[in-house]
């Protein structure tokens, strides 16, 4: 598996949980962290499954 995608996921989480981005969504703060967290989990899930498929030669 390429490390580039894992760095992208890390920086995606870092940017979207940083204070300037969170302050934009100040009114919907109770929903925002959960939405970002679900998106991060979905990206990690897809990356893992696609990486396993490539490792098997598929």
Protein backbone atom coordinates (compact mmCIF):
# COMPACT_ATOMS: atom_id res chain seq x y z
CA UNK A 1 0.00 0.00 0.00
CA UNK A 2 1.31 3.41 -0.86
CA UNK A 3 2.08 5.72 2.01
CA UNK A 4 0.83 8.75 0.07
CA UNK A 5 -2.81 7.96 0.74
CA UNK A 6 -2.20 7.51 4.47
CA UNK A 7 -0.48 10.90 4.60
CA UNK A 8 -3.46 12.42 2.77
CA UNK A 9 -5.88 10.89 5.28
CA UNK A 10 -3.78 12.15 8.19
CA UNK A 11 -3.62 15.70 6.84
CA UNK A 12 -7.33 15.60 5.94
CA UNK A 13 -8.12 14.84 9.57
CA UNK A 14 -5.60 17.37 10.82
CA UNK A 15 -7.00 20.17 8.67
CA UNK A 16 -10.67 19.44 9.28
CA UNK A 17 -10.21 19.17 13.05
CA UNK A 18 -8.08 22.34 13.27
CA UNK A 19 -9.50 25.41 14.94
CA UNK A 20 -9.93 27.70 11.88
CA UNK A 21 -12.07 25.15 10.04
CA UNK A 22 -14.05 24.25 13.15
CA UNK A 23 -14.79 27.93 13.80
CA UNK A 24 -16.44 28.19 10.37
CA UNK A 25 -19.03 25.63 11.49
CA UNK A 26 -19.54 27.17 14.92
CA UNK A 27 -23.36 27.07 14.62
CA UNK A 28 -23.47 23.36 13.74
CA UNK A 29 -20.64 22.33 16.02
CA UNK A 30 -22.50 19.37 17.48
CA UNK A 31 -22.92 17.76 14.05
CA UNK A 32 -19.62 18.76 12.42
CA UNK A 33 -17.19 16.49 14.36
CA UNK A 34 -19.39 13.45 13.82
CA UNK A 35 -19.70 14.09 10.08
CA UNK A 36 -15.94 14.56 9.68
CA UNK A 37 -15.28 11.48 11.82
CA UNK A 38 -17.63 9.35 9.68
CA UNK A 39 -15.98 10.63 6.50
CA UNK A 40 -12.52 9.77 7.87
CA UNK A 41 -13.66 6.28 8.84
CA UNK A 42 -15.19 5.74 5.39
CA UNK A 43 -11.99 6.88 3.66
CA UNK A 44 -9.88 4.58 5.85
CA UNK A 45 -12.27 1.68 5.20
CA UNK A 46 -12.18 2.19 1.43
CA UNK A 47 -8.41 2.60 1.43
CA UNK A 48 -7.94 -0.59 3.40
CA UNK A 49 -10.24 -2.66 1.20
CA UNK A 50 -8.78 -1.31 -2.03
CA UNK A 51 -5.26 -1.85 -0.70
CA UNK A 52 -6.01 -5.48 0.15
CA UNK A 53 -7.48 -5.99 -3.31
CA UNK A 54 -4.32 -4.58 -4.95
CA UNK A 55 -2.10 -6.73 -2.71
CA UNK A 56 -3.93 -9.86 -3.88
CA UNK A 57 -3.40 -8.87 -7.49
CA UNK A 58 -7.01 -7.92 -8.21
